[in-house]
Protein backbone atom coordinates (compact mmCIF):
# COMPACT_ATOMS: atom_id res chain seq x y z
CA MET A 1 117.29 -3.78 113.34
CA ALA A 2 120.80 -3.44 111.59
CA ILE A 3 123.68 -4.96 113.05
CA LYS A 4 125.39 -0.98 112.33
CA ASP A 5 122.32 0.38 114.69
CA ALA A 6 123.15 -2.30 117.42
CA PHE A 7 127.55 -1.56 117.50
CA ILE A 8 126.82 2.32 117.03
CA ALA A 9 124.30 2.92 120.37
CA GLU A 10 126.96 0.53 121.88
CA LEU A 11 129.82 2.62 121.49
CA LYS A 12 127.87 5.81 121.99
CA HIS A 13 127.48 4.71 125.61
CA GLU A 14 130.53 3.09 126.48
CA SER A 15 131.93 5.74 125.07
CA ALA A 16 130.41 8.26 127.08
CA LEU A 17 131.67 5.95 129.96
CA THR A 18 135.06 6.87 128.15
CA LYS A 19 135.63 9.48 128.44
CA LYS A 20 134.62 10.47 132.18
CA MET A 21 137.12 8.06 132.42
CA LEU A 22 139.90 10.07 130.53
CA GLU A 23 139.28 13.48 131.61
CA ARG A 24 140.45 12.51 135.73
CA VAL A 25 143.79 11.04 133.78
CA PRO A 26 146.34 13.25 136.11
CA MET A 27 148.03 14.26 132.62
CA ASP A 28 150.98 15.78 135.01
CA LYS A 29 151.83 11.93 135.93
CA LYS A 30 152.21 10.74 132.46
CA ASP A 31 155.44 9.14 133.11
CA TRP A 32 153.78 6.88 136.34
CA LYS A 33 153.65 3.53 136.02
CA PRO A 34 152.74 0.71 138.70
CA HIS A 35 155.53 -1.73 137.27
CA GLU A 36 158.34 -1.65 135.11
CA LYS A 37 156.34 -4.06 132.80
CA SER A 38 153.68 -1.95 132.60
CA MET A 39 152.91 0.70 130.22
CA THR A 40 152.95 4.53 131.78
CA LEU A 41 150.19 6.36 132.78
CA GLY A 42 149.94 8.68 129.11
CA ARG A 43 150.64 5.83 126.60
CA LEU A 44 147.91 3.99 128.41
CA ALA A 45 145.17 6.47 128.29
CA ALA A 46 146.80 7.51 124.34
CA HIS A 47 146.15 3.40 123.89
CA VAL A 48 142.29 4.10 125.37
CA ALA A 49 141.88 7.39 123.10
CA GLU A 50 143.14 5.89 120.31
CA ILE A 51 141.29 2.24 120.20
CA PRO A 52 137.76 3.56 118.50
CA HIS A 53 140.51 3.85 115.10
CA TRP A 54 140.22 -0.37 115.22
CA THR A 55 136.70 -0.01 113.95
CA SER A 56 136.89 1.92 111.24
CA ASP A 57 140.71 -0.23 110.43
CA ILE A 58 138.19 -3.04 110.56
CA ILE A 59 135.83 -1.58 108.59
CA HIS A 60 138.13 -0.44 105.93
CA ILE A 61 140.95 -3.15 105.53
CA ASP A 62 140.69 -6.69 105.45
CA GLU A 63 144.03 -7.87 106.44
CA TYR A 64 145.82 -5.90 109.16
CA ASP A 65 149.96 -6.93 108.71
CA PHE A 66 151.78 -5.30 112.00
CA GLN A 67 154.63 -5.36 110.20
CA LYS A 68 153.53 -3.23 107.43
CA ASP A 69 150.70 -1.50 108.61
CA TYR A 70 151.34 -0.46 112.54
CA LYS A 71 152.19 3.06 113.26
CA PRO A 72 152.51 4.23 116.69
CA GLY A 73 149.92 6.63 118.30
CA GLN A 74 150.64 9.78 119.04
CA ALA A 75 151.49 11.36 122.36
CA PRO A 76 149.34 13.76 124.28
CA SER A 77 150.69 16.37 126.19
CA SER A 78 147.31 17.40 127.43
CA GLN A 79 144.79 16.62 129.10
CA GLU A 80 142.65 18.62 126.30
CA GLU A 81 144.76 17.36 123.40
CA LEU A 82 144.08 13.12 125.13
CA ILE A 83 139.97 14.03 124.63
CA LYS A 84 140.45 15.17 121.00
CA ILE A 85 142.06 12.68 119.91
CA PHE A 86 139.44 10.39 121.47
CA GLN A 87 136.69 12.39 120.10
CA GLU A 88 138.24 12.56 116.37
CA LYS A 89 138.65 8.49 116.65
CA LEU A 90 135.31 8.40 117.95
CA ASP A 91 133.41 10.59 115.39
CA LYS A 92 135.11 8.73 112.48
CA ALA A 93 134.60 5.17 113.91
CA ILE A 94 130.75 6.22 113.95
CA ALA A 95 130.84 7.96 110.73
CA ASP A 96 131.93 4.49 109.68
CA LEU A 97 129.85 2.34 111.09
CA GLU A 98 126.92 4.36 109.91
CA LYS A 99 127.82 3.69 105.95
CA THR A 100 128.33 -0.20 107.13
CA SER A 101 126.11 -2.46 105.38
CA ASP A 102 124.95 -5.87 107.36
CA GLU A 103 126.63 -8.14 104.58
CA ASP A 104 129.90 -6.08 104.87
CA PHE A 105 129.67 -7.23 108.77
CA LYS A 106 130.04 -10.63 107.09
CA LYS A 107 133.35 -10.06 105.17
CA ARG A 108 136.40 -11.33 106.57
CA TRP A 109 139.30 -9.23 108.79
CA VAL A 110 142.96 -11.19 109.33
CA VAL A 111 145.26 -9.94 111.55
CA LYS A 112 148.96 -11.31 111.26
CA SER A 113 152.67 -9.80 111.19
CA GLY A 114 154.35 -10.89 108.04
CA GLU A 115 153.08 -14.75 107.36
CA GLN A 116 151.89 -15.69 110.61
CA VAL A 117 147.86 -15.36 111.24
CA TYR A 118 146.94 -14.71 114.62
CA TYR A 119 143.13 -14.35 113.41
CA ASP A 120 140.91 -14.58 110.50
CA LEU A 121 137.33 -13.68 111.75
CA PRO A 122 134.10 -12.31 110.01
CA LYS A 123 133.93 -8.01 110.93
CA ALA A 124 131.44 -7.86 113.12
CA VAL A 125 133.10 -10.23 115.19
CA ALA A 126 136.27 -8.38 115.56
CA ILE A 127 134.51 -5.16 116.09
CA ARG A 128 132.96 -6.73 119.23
CA GLY A 129 135.86 -8.26 120.28
CA TRP A 130 139.18 -6.08 118.52
CA SER A 131 137.54 -2.49 119.44
CA PHE A 132 135.02 -2.66 121.89
CA SER A 133 136.34 -5.63 123.85
CA HIS A 134 140.08 -4.13 123.70
CA LEU A 135 138.44 -0.92 124.79
CA PHE A 136 136.56 -2.26 128.33
CA HIS A 137 139.76 -4.12 128.93
CA HIS A 138 142.09 -1.34 128.38
CA ARG A 139 139.89 1.22 130.23
CA GLY A 140 139.66 -1.29 132.94
CA GLN A 141 143.36 -0.79 133.20
CA LEU A 142 143.28 2.79 133.39
CA SER A 143 140.84 2.33 136.20
CA VAL A 144 143.20 0.70 138.02
CA TYR A 145 146.42 3.17 137.25
CA LEU A 146 144.18 6.01 138.96
CA ARG A 147 143.52 4.51 141.47
CA LEU A 148 146.80 3.83 142.88
CA LEU A 149 147.15 7.29 142.01
CA ASP A 150 144.50 8.37 144.40
CA VAL A 151 142.29 9.42 141.89
CA PRO A 152 138.48 9.17 142.07
CA ILE A 153 137.08 6.64 140.19
CA PRO A 154 133.75 7.44 138.25
CA GLY A 155 131.03 4.94 138.58
CA MET A 156 130.41 3.08 134.92
CA TYR A 157 128.02 0.51 135.23
CA GLY A 158 126.81 2.28 138.44
CA PRO A 159 127.67 3.72 141.65
CA SER A 160 131.65 3.43 142.71
CA ALA A 161 133.28 4.43 145.95
CA ASP A 162 134.36 7.94 145.01
CA GLU A 163 131.27 8.42 142.95
CA PRO A 164 127.74 7.49 144.56
CA MET A 165 125.17 7.45 142.35
């Protein structure tokens, strides 16, 4: 099995779970946050929706410099727009993965801010950590926000307290 095939299968599986979570975000409460240091619900949900773009960036960019390359994400005004952003980023990530060879996954990906290097990893490791694990982390964070707002949490890897299987 090619590396890309495993990544595509995992991304599709996890994205179906992520979409279930994003569909529950109450955008009328997008300015709510659980703590003064936390992101707002709307910003966190948008961040989760945007994360698949990291897969595409890792594939196409060998060096990512936050000082030059960082662009703040879109701020969706509706749940439909939130889901649209997610689907567009996901579709592009899958299309980019489909064109990536096993040799391409061995290339290096560097993350830095100016001269300070944060990461220098093989692209396969970067996709797994920077993109996929990043998505899972913030999706978990989003589930806590939803719980605190008393929004029913969908089951992810089995039943949830709100959604028995």
